[in-house]
PDB file of N, CA and C in Angstrom:
ATOM      1  N   UNK A   1       4.602 -11.273   1.972  1.00  0.00           N
ATOM      2  CA  UNK A   1       5.573 -10.672   0.926  1.00  0.00           C
ATOM      3  C   UNK A   1       6.742  -9.764   1.646  1.00  0.00           C
ATOM      4  N   UNK A   2       7.805  -9.911   1.219  1.00  0.00           N
ATOM      5  CA  UNK A   2       8.960  -9.071   1.564  1.00  0.00           C
ATOM      6  C   UNK A   2       9.642  -8.416   0.454  1.00  0.00           C
ATOM      7  N   UNK A   3      10.091  -7.181   0.695  1.00  0.00           N
ATOM      8  CA  UNK A   3      10.919  -6.294  -0.243  1.00  0.00           C
ATOM      9  C   UNK A   3      12.377  -6.006   0.314  1.00  0.00           C
ATOM     10  N   UNK A   4      13.162  -6.154  -0.827  1.00  0.00           N
ATOM     11  CA  UNK A   4      14.451  -5.707  -0.507  1.00  0.00           C
ATOM     12  C   UNK A   4      14.765  -4.540  -1.497  1.00  0.00           C
ATOM     13  N   UNK A   5      15.240  -3.255  -0.910  1.00  0.00           N
ATOM     14  CA  UNK A   5      15.548  -2.280  -1.741  1.00  0.00           C
ATOM     15  C   UNK A   5      17.192  -2.058  -1.536  1.00  0.00           C
ATOM     16  N   UNK A   6      17.709  -2.323  -2.685  1.00  0.00           N
ATOM     17  CA  UNK A   6      19.248  -2.349  -2.690  1.00  0.00           C
ATOM     18  C   UNK A   6      19.632  -1.167  -3.551  1.00  0.00           C
ATOM     19  N   UNK A   7      20.471  -0.282  -2.765  1.00  0.00           N
ATOM     20  CA  UNK A   7      21.054   0.895  -3.481  1.00  0.00           C
ATOM     21  C   UNK A   7      22.546   0.335  -4.058  1.00  0.00           C
ATOM     22  N   UNK A   8      22.754   0.761  -5.204  1.00  0.00           N
ATOM     23  CA  UNK A   8      23.894   0.409  -5.845  1.00  0.00           C
ATOM     24  C   UNK A   8      24.620   1.786  -6.319  1.00  0.00           C
ATOM     25  N   UNK A   9      26.004   1.855  -6.151  1.00  0.00           N
ATOM     26  CA  UNK A   9      26.743   3.123  -6.813  1.00  0.00           C
ATOM     27  C   UNK A   9      27.685   2.427  -7.760  1.00  0.00           C
ATOM     28  N   UNK A  10      27.766   2.840  -8.910  1.00  0.00           N
ATOM     29  CA  UNK A  10      28.536   2.229  -9.900  1.00  0.00           C
ATOM     30  C   UNK A  10      29.588   3.329 -10.388  1.00  0.00           C
ATOM     31  N   UNK A  11      30.803   2.994 -10.684  1.00  0.00           N
ATOM     32  CA  UNK A  11      31.612   3.988 -11.313  1.00  0.00           C
ATOM     33  C   UNK A  11      31.105   4.171 -12.828  1.00  0.00           C
ATOM     34  N   UNK A  12      31.148   5.533 -13.199  1.00  0.00           N
ATOM     35  CA  UNK A  12      30.642   6.006 -14.407  1.00  0.00           C
ATOM     36  C   UNK A  12      31.159   5.250 -15.636  1.00  0.00           C
ATOM     37  N   UNK A  13      32.484   4.726 -15.457  1.00  0.00           N
ATOM     38  CA  UNK A  13      33.209   4.051 -16.607  1.00  0.00           C
ATOM     39  C   UNK A  13      32.568   2.621 -16.776  1.00  0.00           C
ATOM     40  N   UNK A  14      31.828   2.055 -15.873  1.00  0.00           N
ATOM     41  CA  UNK A  14      31.173   0.785 -15.895  1.00  0.00           C
ATOM     42  C   UNK A  14      29.823   0.819 -16.092  1.00  0.00           C
ATOM     43  N   UNK A  15      29.109   1.879 -16.398  1.00  0.00           N
ATOM     44  CA  UNK A  15      27.699   1.851 -16.357  1.00  0.00           C
ATOM     45  C   UNK A  15      27.122   0.826 -17.403  1.00  0.00           C
ATOM     46  N   UNK A  16      27.612   0.776 -18.451  1.00  0.00           N
ATOM     47  CA  UNK A  16      27.031  -0.080 -19.533  1.00  0.00           C
ATOM     48  C   UNK A  16      27.219  -1.556 -19.277  1.00  0.00           C
ATOM     49  N   UNK A  17      28.466  -1.861 -18.835  1.00  0.00           N
ATOM     50  CA  UNK A  17      28.637  -3.254 -18.446  1.00  0.00           C
ATOM     51  C   UNK A  17      27.765  -3.651 -17.313  1.00  0.00           C
ATOM     52  N   UNK A  18      27.559  -2.722 -16.320  1.00  0.00           N
ATOM     53  CA  UNK A  18      26.898  -2.966 -15.228  1.00  0.00           C
ATOM     54  C   UNK A  18      25.327  -3.129 -15.654  1.00  0.00           C
ATOM     55  N   UNK A  19      24.873  -2.309 -16.411  1.00  0.00           N
ATOM     56  CA  UNK A  19      23.436  -2.296 -16.959  1.00  0.00           C
ATOM     57  C   UNK A  19      23.208  -3.741 -17.762  1.00  0.00           C
ATOM     58  N   UNK A  20      24.257  -4.238 -18.483  1.00  0.00           N
ATOM     59  CA  UNK A  20      24.087  -5.607 -19.300  1.00  0.00           C
ATOM     60  C   UNK A  20      24.069  -6.664 -18.207  1.00  0.00           C
ATOM     61  N   UNK A  21      24.873  -6.634 -17.334  1.00  0.00           N
ATOM     62  CA  UNK A  21      24.855  -7.725 -16.156  1.00  0.00           C
ATOM     63  C   UNK A  21      23.696  -7.730 -15.486  1.00  0.00           C
ATOM     64  N   UNK A  22      23.152  -6.524 -15.063  1.00  0.00           N
ATOM     65  CA  UNK A  22      21.988  -6.309 -14.269  1.00  0.00           C
ATOM     66  C   UNK A  22      20.720  -6.758 -15.069  1.00  0.00           C
ATOM     67  N   UNK A  23      20.670  -6.479 -16.241  1.00  0.00           N
ATOM     68  CA  UNK A  23      19.710  -6.966 -17.087  1.00  0.00           C
ATOM     69  C   UNK A  23      19.460  -8.544 -17.070  1.00  0.00           C
ATOM     70  N   UNK A  24      20.686  -9.285 -17.325  1.00  0.00           N
ATOM     71  CA  UNK A  24      20.505 -10.690 -17.272  1.00  0.00           C
ATOM     72  C   UNK A  24      19.996 -11.171 -15.805  1.00  0.00           C
ATOM     73  N   UNK A  25      20.519 -10.525 -14.714  1.00  0.00           N
ATOM     74  CA  UNK A  25      20.163 -10.938 -13.411  1.00  0.00           C
ATOM     75  C   UNK A  25      18.496 -10.676 -13.163  1.00  0.00           C
ATOM     76  N   UNK A  26      18.211  -9.621 -13.840  1.00  0.00           N
ATOM     77  CA  UNK A  26      16.887  -9.106 -13.768  1.00  0.00           C
ATOM     78  C   UNK A  26      15.748 -10.160 -14.429  1.00  0.00           C
ATOM     79  N   UNK A  27      16.255 -10.615 -15.610  1.00  0.00           N
ATOM     80  CA  UNK A  27      15.511 -11.505 -16.333  1.00  0.00           C
ATOM     81  C   UNK A  27      15.640 -12.833 -15.635  1.00  0.00           C
ATOM     82  N   UNK A  28      16.731 -13.311 -15.331  1.00  0.00           N
ATOM     83  CA  UNK A  28      16.695 -14.652 -14.512  1.00  0.00           C
ATOM     84  C   UNK A  28      15.876 -14.572 -13.291  1.00  0.00           C
ATOM     85  N   UNK A  29      16.004 -13.516 -12.549  1.00  0.00           N
ATOM     86  CA  UNK A  29      15.213 -13.307 -11.310  1.00  0.00           C
ATOM     87  C   UNK A  29      13.749 -13.549 -11.430  1.00  0.00           C
ATOM     88  N   UNK A  30      13.196 -12.916 -12.681  1.00  0.00           N
ATOM     89  CA  UNK A  30      11.786 -12.926 -12.944  1.00  0.00           C
ATOM     90  C   UNK A  30      11.311 -14.442 -13.275  1.00  0.00           C
ATOM     91  N   UNK A  31      12.160 -15.334 -13.555  1.00  0.00           N
ATOM     92  CA  UNK A  31      11.845 -16.534 -13.829  1.00  0.00           C
ATOM     93  C   UNK A  31      11.744 -17.399 -12.423  1.00  0.00           C
ATOM     94  N   UNK A  32      12.176 -16.907 -11.335  1.00  0.00           N
ATOM     95  CA  UNK A  32      12.021 -17.619 -10.121  1.00  0.00           C
ATOM     96  C   UNK A  32      10.751 -17.583  -9.538  1.00  0.00           C
ATOM     97  N   UNK A  33      10.241 -18.797  -8.966  1.00  0.00           N
ATOM     98  CA  UNK A  33       8.674 -18.724  -8.718  1.00  0.00           C
ATOM     99  C   UNK A  33       8.337 -17.870  -7.443  1.00  0.00           C
ATOM    100  N   UNK A  34       9.475 -17.669  -6.685  1.00  0.00           N
ATOM    101  CA  UNK A  34       9.285 -16.743  -5.514  1.00  0.00           C
ATOM    102  C   UNK A  34       9.255 -15.304  -5.692  1.00  0.00           C
ATOM    103  N   UNK A  35       9.713 -14.792  -6.947  1.00  0.00           N
ATOM    104  CA  UNK A  35       9.856 -13.398  -7.184  1.00  0.00           C
ATOM    105  C   UNK A  35       8.526 -12.948  -7.773  1.00  0.00           C
ATOM    106  N   UNK A  36       8.186 -11.786  -7.205  1.00  0.00           N
ATOM    107  CA  UNK A  36       6.820 -11.135  -7.456  1.00  0.00           C
ATOM    108  C   UNK A  36       7.300  -9.885  -8.390  1.00  0.00           C
ATOM    109  N   UNK A  37       8.384  -9.159  -8.001  1.00  0.00           N
ATOM    110  CA  UNK A  37       8.826  -7.942  -8.776  1.00  0.00           C
ATOM    111  C   UNK A  37      10.300  -8.080  -8.749  1.00  0.00           C
ATOM    112  N   UNK A  38      10.993  -7.435  -9.737  1.00  0.00           N
ATOM    113  CA  UNK A  38      12.447  -7.199  -9.762  1.00  0.00           C
ATOM    114  C   UNK A  38      12.752  -6.021 -10.571  1.00  0.00           C
ATOM    115  N   UNK A  39      12.567  -4.848 -10.059  1.00  0.00           N
ATOM    116  CA  UNK A  39      12.629  -3.686 -10.733  1.00  0.00           C
ATOM    117  C   UNK A  39      14.119  -3.032 -10.675  1.00  0.00           C
ATOM    118  N   UNK A  40      14.615  -2.631 -11.745  1.00  0.00           N
ATOM    119  CA  UNK A  40      15.981  -1.887 -11.610  1.00  0.00           C
ATOM    120  C   UNK A  40      15.613  -0.484 -12.027  1.00  0.00           C
ATOM    121  N   UNK A  41      16.008   0.413 -11.164  1.00  0.00           N
ATOM    122  CA  UNK A  41      15.757   1.911 -11.326  1.00  0.00           C
ATOM    123  C   UNK A  41      17.169   2.671 -11.303  1.00  0.00           C
ATOM    124  N   UNK A  42      17.137   3.623 -12.184  1.00  0.00           N
ATOM    125  CA  UNK A  42      18.425   4.497 -12.285  1.00  0.00           C
ATOM    126  C   UNK A  42      17.913   5.866 -11.926  1.00  0.00           C
ATOM    127  N   UNK A  43      18.757   6.519 -11.010  1.00  0.00           N
ATOM    128  CA  UNK A  43      18.581   7.884 -10.477  1.00  0.00           C
ATOM    129  C   UNK A  43      18.599   8.904 -11.646  1.00  0.00           C
ATOM    130  N   UNK A  44      17.887   9.910 -11.551  1.00  0.00           N
ATOM    131  CA  UNK A  44      17.615  10.733 -12.592  1.00  0.00           C
ATOM    132  C   UNK A  44      18.818  11.784 -12.639  1.00  0.00           C
ATOM    133  N   UNK A  45      19.175  12.201 -11.623  1.00  0.00           N
ATOM    134  CA  UNK A  45      20.476  13.291 -11.662  1.00  0.00           C
ATOM    135  C   UNK A  45      21.856  12.619 -11.362  1.00  0.00           C
ATOM    136  N   UNK A  46      21.957  11.337 -10.873  1.00  0.00           N
ATOM    137  CA  UNK A  46      23.249  10.791 -10.711  1.00  0.00           C
ATOM    138  C   UNK A  46      23.314   9.468 -11.334  1.00  0.00           C
ATOM    139  N   UNK A  47      23.683   9.386 -12.728  1.00  0.00           N
ATOM    140  CA  UNK A  47      23.862   8.373 -13.366  1.00  0.00           C
ATOM    141  C   UNK A  47      24.453   7.032 -13.062  1.00  0.00           C
ATOM    142  N   UNK A  48      25.196   7.177 -11.929  1.00  0.00           N
ATOM    143  CA  UNK A  48      25.824   5.902 -11.414  1.00  0.00           C
ATOM    144  C   UNK A  48      25.096   5.474 -10.367  1.00  0.00           C
ATOM    145  N   UNK A  49      24.015   6.025  -9.936  1.00  0.00           N
ATOM    146  CA  UNK A  49      23.257   5.419  -8.760  1.00  0.00           C
ATOM    147  C   UNK A  49      21.970   4.667  -9.187  1.00  0.00           C
ATOM    148  N   UNK A  50      21.770   3.428  -8.767  1.00  0.00           N
ATOM    149  CA  UNK A  50      20.606   2.677  -9.033  1.00  0.00           C
ATOM    150  C   UNK A  50      19.910   2.134  -7.746  1.00  0.00           C
ATOM    151  N   UNK A  51      18.791   1.721  -7.819  1.00  0.00           N
ATOM    152  CA  UNK A  51      17.969   1.174  -6.974  1.00  0.00           C
ATOM    153  C   UNK A  51      17.290  -0.101  -7.304  1.00  0.00           C
ATOM    154  N   UNK A  52      17.572  -1.245  -6.775  1.00  0.00           N
ATOM    155  CA  UNK A  52      16.932  -2.649  -7.220  1.00  0.00           C
ATOM    156  C   UNK A  52      15.837  -2.984  -6.199  1.00  0.00           C
ATOM    157  N   UNK A  53      14.680  -2.919  -6.761  1.00  0.00           N
ATOM    158  CA  UNK A  53      13.483  -2.992  -5.800  1.00  0.00           C
ATOM    159  C   UNK A  53      13.021  -4.504  -6.298  1.00  0.00           C
ATOM    160  N   UNK A  54      13.075  -5.301  -5.138  1.00  0.00           N
ATOM    161  CA  UNK A  54      13.030  -6.692  -5.414  1.00  0.00           C
ATOM    162  C   UNK A  54      11.895  -7.158  -4.221  1.00  0.00           C
ATOM    163  N   UNK A  55      10.841  -7.730  -4.841  1.00  0.00           N
ATOM    164  CA  UNK A  55       9.651  -8.207  -4.114  1.00  0.00           C
ATOM    165  C   UNK A  55       9.509  -9.757  -4.188  1.00  0.00           C
ATOM    166  N   UNK A  56       9.426 -10.438  -2.960  1.00  0.00           N
ATOM    167  CA  UNK A  56       9.475 -11.825  -2.962  1.00  0.00           C
ATOM    168  C   UNK A  56       8.110 -12.296  -2.228  1.00  0.00           C
ATOM    169  N   UNK A  57       7.604 -13.478  -2.397  1.00  0.00           N
ATOM    170  CA  UNK A  57       6.464 -14.079  -1.893  1.00  0.00           C
ATOM    171  C   UNK A  57       6.837 -14.327  -0.390  1.00  0.00           C
ATOM    172  N   UNK A  58       8.054 -14.745  -0.002  1.00  0.00           N
ATOM    173  CA  UNK A  58       8.300 -15.186   1.483  1.00  0.00           C
ATOM    174  C   UNK A  58       9.709 -14.737   1.580  1.00  0.00           C
ATOM    175  N   UNK A  59      10.084 -14.665   2.795  1.00  0.00           N
ATOM    176  CA  UNK A  59      11.754 -14.679   3.426  1.00  0.00           C
ATOM    177  C   UNK A  59      12.452 -15.743   2.698  1.00  0.00           C
ATOM    178  N   UNK A  60      11.736 -17.019   2.550  1.00  0.00           N
ATOM    179  CA  UNK A  60      12.653 -18.109   2.107  1.00  0.00           C
ATOM    180  C   UNK A  60      12.766 -17.879   0.623  1.00  0.00           C
ATOM    181  N   UNK A  61      11.937 -17.230  -0.218  1.00  0.00           N
ATOM    182  CA  UNK A  61      12.228 -16.963  -1.584  1.00  0.00           C
ATOM    183  C   UNK A  61      13.423 -15.894  -1.691  1.00  0.00           C
ATOM    184  N   UNK A  62      13.373 -14.868  -0.761  1.00  0.00           N
ATOM    185  CA  UNK A  62      14.255 -13.988  -0.908  1.00  0.00           C
ATOM    186  C   UNK A  62      15.796 -14.684  -0.554  1.00  0.00           C
ATOM    187  N   UNK A  63      15.839 -15.412   0.247  1.00  0.00           N
ATOM    188  CA  UNK A  63      17.079 -16.274   0.507  1.00  0.00           C
ATOM    189  C   UNK A  63      17.459 -17.263  -0.621  1.00  0.00           C
ATOM    190  N   UNK A  64      16.291 -17.871  -1.223  1.00  0.00           N
ATOM    191  CA  UNK A  64      16.505 -18.709  -2.372  1.00  0.00           C
ATOM    192  C   UNK A  64      17.178 -18.069  -3.616  1.00  0.00           C
ATOM    193  N   UNK A  65      16.848 -16.824  -3.604  1.00  0.00           N
ATOM    194  CA  UNK A  65      17.344 -15.913  -4.796  1.00  0.00           C
ATOM    195  C   UNK A  65      18.719 -15.744  -4.839  1.00  0.00           C
ATOM    196  N   UNK A  66      19.395 -15.621  -3.605  1.00  0.00           N
ATOM    197  CA  UNK A  66      20.685 -15.577  -3.507  1.00  0.00           C
ATOM    198  C   UNK A  66      21.558 -16.782  -3.895  1.00  0.00           C
ATOM    199  N   UNK A  67      20.772 -18.086  -3.810  1.00  0.00           N
ATOM    200  CA  UNK A  67      21.511 -19.301  -4.202  1.00  0.00           C
ATOM    201  C   UNK A  67      21.476 -19.410  -5.701  1.00  0.00           C
ATOM    202  N   UNK A  68      20.665 -18.713  -6.460  1.00  0.00           N
ATOM    203  CA  UNK A  68      20.687 -18.857  -7.937  1.00  0.00           C
ATOM    204  C   UNK A  68      22.048 -18.503  -8.714  1.00  0.00           C
ATOM    205  N   UNK A  69      22.120 -19.267  -9.768  1.00  0.00           N
ATOM    206  CA  UNK A  69      23.344 -19.088 -10.531  1.00  0.00           C
ATOM    207  C   UNK A  69      23.371 -17.603 -11.099  1.00  0.00           C
ATOM    208  N   UNK A  70      22.123 -17.220 -11.588  1.00  0.00           N
ATOM    209  CA  UNK A  70      22.125 -15.769 -12.254  1.00  0.00           C
ATOM    210  C   UNK A  70      22.705 -14.663 -11.248  1.00  0.00           C
ATOM    211  N   UNK A  71      22.085 -14.852  -9.910  1.00  0.00           N
ATOM    212  CA  UNK A  71      22.503 -13.736  -8.992  1.00  0.00           C
ATOM    213  C   UNK A  71      24.022 -13.844  -8.575  1.00  0.00           C
ATOM    214  N   UNK A  72      24.416 -15.110  -8.402  1.00  0.00           N
ATOM    215  CA  UNK A  72      25.928 -15.266  -8.044  1.00  0.00           C
ATOM    216  C   UNK A  72      26.733 -14.747  -9.255  1.00  0.00           C
ATOM    217  N   UNK A  73      26.428 -15.013 -10.488  1.00  0.00           N
ATOM    218  CA  UNK A  73      27.248 -14.359 -11.556  1.00  0.00           C
ATOM    219  C   UNK A  73      27.115 -12.845 -11.603  1.00  0.00           C
ATOM    220  N   UNK A  74      25.971 -12.436 -11.276  1.00  0.00           N
ATOM    221  CA  UNK A  74      25.672 -10.863 -11.276  1.00  0.00           C
ATOM    222  C   UNK A  74      26.803 -10.281 -10.124  1.00  0.00           C
ATOM    223  N   UNK A  75      26.524 -10.943  -8.952  1.00  0.00           N
ATOM    224  CA  UNK A  75      27.380 -10.473  -7.864  1.00  0.00           C
ATOM    225  C   UNK A  75      28.850 -10.478  -8.217  1.00  0.00           C
ATOM    226  N   UNK A  76      29.400 -11.478  -8.700  1.00  0.00           N
ATOM    227  CA  UNK A  76      30.824 -11.505  -9.012  1.00  0.00           C
ATOM    228  C   UNK A  76      31.112 -10.718 -10.020  1.00  0.00           C
ATOM    229  N   UNK A  77      30.420 -10.445 -11.047  1.00  0.00           N
ATOM    230  CA  UNK A  77      30.470  -9.651 -12.272  1.00  0.00           C
ATOM    231  C   UNK A  77      30.538  -8.093 -11.898  1.00  0.00           C
ATOM    232  N   UNK A  78      29.667  -7.681 -11.044  1.00  0.00           N
ATOM    233  CA  UNK A  78      29.516  -6.289 -10.767  1.00  0.00           C
ATOM    234  C   UNK A  78      30.389  -5.860  -9.552  1.00  0.00           C
ATOM    235  N   UNK A  79      30.706  -6.519  -8.866  1.00  0.00           N
ATOM    236  CA  UNK A  79      31.716  -6.258  -7.416  1.00  0.00           C
ATOM    237  C   UNK A  79      32.787  -5.234  -7.974  1.00  0.00           C
ATOM    238  N   UNK A  80      33.623  -5.636  -8.985  1.00  0.00           N
ATOM    239  CA  UNK A  80      34.667  -4.611  -9.249  1.00  0.00           C
ATOM    240  C   UNK A  80      34.207  -3.314  -9.752  1.00  0.00           C
ATOM    241  N   UNK A  81      32.856  -3.198 -10.173  1.00  0.00           N
ATOM    242  CA  UNK A  81      32.465  -1.955 -10.736  1.00  0.00           C
ATOM    243  C   UNK A  81      31.894  -1.035  -9.734  1.00  0.00           C
ATOM    244  N   UNK A  82      31.687  -1.454  -8.714  1.00  0.00           N
ATOM    245  CA  UNK A  82      31.138  -0.547  -7.544  1.00  0.00           C
ATOM    246  C   UNK A  82      31.951   0.527  -7.012  1.00  0.00           C
ATOM    247  N   UNK A  83      31.414   1.599  -7.017  1.00  0.00           N
ATOM    248  CA  UNK A  83      31.965   2.865  -6.414  1.00  0.00           C
ATOM    249  C   UNK A  83      32.141   2.786  -4.991  1.00  0.00           C
ATOM    250  N   UNK A  84      31.199   2.081  -4.483  1.00  0.00           N
ATOM    251  CA  UNK A  84      31.194   1.798  -2.962  1.00  0.00           C
ATOM    252  C   UNK A  84      30.223   0.654  -2.578  1.00  0.00           C
ATOM    253  N   UNK A  85      30.220   0.071  -1.560  1.00  0.00           N
ATOM    254  CA  UNK A  85      29.382  -1.120  -1.218  1.00  0.00           C
ATOM    255  C   UNK A  85      27.921  -0.930  -1.249  1.00  0.00           C
ATOM    256  N   UNK A  86      27.286  -1.849  -1.895  1.00  0.00           N
ATOM    257  CA  UNK A  86      25.799  -1.435  -2.000  1.00  0.00           C
ATOM    258  C   UNK A  86      25.358  -1.594  -0.576  1.00  0.00           C
ATOM    259  N   UNK A  87      24.072  -1.056  -0.606  1.00  0.00           N
ATOM    260  CA  UNK A  87      23.365  -1.122   0.648  1.00  0.00           C
ATOM    261  C   UNK A  87      21.817  -1.654   0.557  1.00  0.00           C
ATOM    262  N   UNK A  88      21.546  -2.737   1.335  1.00  0.00           N
ATOM    263  CA  UNK A  88      20.246  -3.364   1.209  1.00  0.00           C
ATOM    264  C   UNK A  88      19.328  -3.074   2.481  1.00  0.00           C
ATOM    265  N   UNK A  89      18.159  -2.831   2.079  1.00  0.00           N
ATOM    266  CA  UNK A  89      17.132  -2.499   3.433  1.00  0.00           C
ATOM    267  C   UNK A  89      15.834  -3.473   3.043  1.00  0.00           C
ATOM    268  N   UNK A  90      15.710  -4.368   4.238  1.00  0.00           N
ATOM    269  CA  UNK A  90      14.532  -5.136   4.025  1.00  0.00           C
ATOM    270  C   UNK A  90      13.180  -4.446   4.588  1.00  0.00           C
ATOM    271  N   UNK A  91      12.058  -4.615   3.792  1.00  0.00           N
ATOM    272  CA  UNK A  91      10.738  -4.161   4.053  1.00  0.00           C
ATOM    273  C   UNK A  91       9.909  -5.253   4.167  1.00  0.00           C
ATOM    274  N   UNK A  92       8.809  -5.100   5.115  1.00  0.00           N
ATOM    275  CA  UNK A  92       7.590  -6.032   4.972  1.00  0.00           C
ATOM    276  C   UNK A  92       6.536  -5.088   4.097  1.00  0.00           C
ATOM    277  N   UNK A  93       5.867  -5.942   3.381  1.00  0.00           N
ATOM    278  CA  UNK A  93       4.755  -5.289   2.698  1.00  0.00           C
ATOM    279  C   UNK A  93       3.568  -5.129   3.498  1.00  0.00           C
ATOM    280  N   UNK A  94       3.033  -3.946   3.610  1.00  0.00           N
ATOM    281  CA  UNK A  94       1.576  -3.610   4.046  1.00  0.00           C
ATOM    282  C   UNK A  94       0.542  -3.779   3.077  1.00  0.00           C
ATOM    283  N   UNK A  95       0.676  -2.920   1.840  1.00  0.00           N
ATOM    284  CA  UNK A  95      -0.344  -3.024   0.900  1.00  0.00           C
ATOM    285  C   UNK A  95       0.479  -2.942  -0.495  1.00  0.00           C
ATOM    286  N   UNK A  96       0.054  -3.565  -1.388  1.00  0.00           N
ATOM    287  CA  UNK A  96      -1.134  -4.403  -1.464  1.00  0.00           C
ATOM    288  C   UNK A  96      -0.918  -5.786  -0.933  1.00  0.00           C
ATOM    289  N   UNK A  97      -1.845  -6.481  -0.480  1.00  0.00           N
ATOM    290  CA  UNK A  97      -1.728  -7.740   0.136  1.00  0.00           C
ATOM    291  C   UNK A  97      -1.542  -8.923  -0.926  1.00  0.00           C
ATOM    292  N   UNK A  98      -1.955  -8.718  -1.997  1.00  0.00           N
ATOM    293  CA  UNK A  98      -1.895  -9.657  -3.267  1.00  0.00           C
ATOM    294  C   UNK A  98      -0.868  -9.171  -4.199  1.00  0.00           C
ATOM    295  N   UNK A  99      -0.030 -10.092  -4.659  1.00  0.00           N
ATOM    296  CA  UNK A  99       1.021  -9.677  -5.601  1.00  0.00           C
ATOM    297  C   UNK A  99       0.430  -9.105  -6.839  1.00  0.00           C
TER     298      UNK A  99
END
């Protein structure tokens, strides 16, 4: 399993639109066979800061996610809402070993 932690900074004026678009991406992602988790977290003190916690069954599943229509629509929709470029960090899962 692999995890991608993506930090996203959204302009305050775009928060509602970002959250709508991200919900659609979240729901589409959960229907992918290679997705174990797709959590969307919002920072407690900074309302424009988000963390997308994505767990995939394999590196190939993580790559396949980027080819889906819902991800591509999300990426294009939210790009102009970004306060700055998003930052993704890959992780290998040590525990738990089962999804």
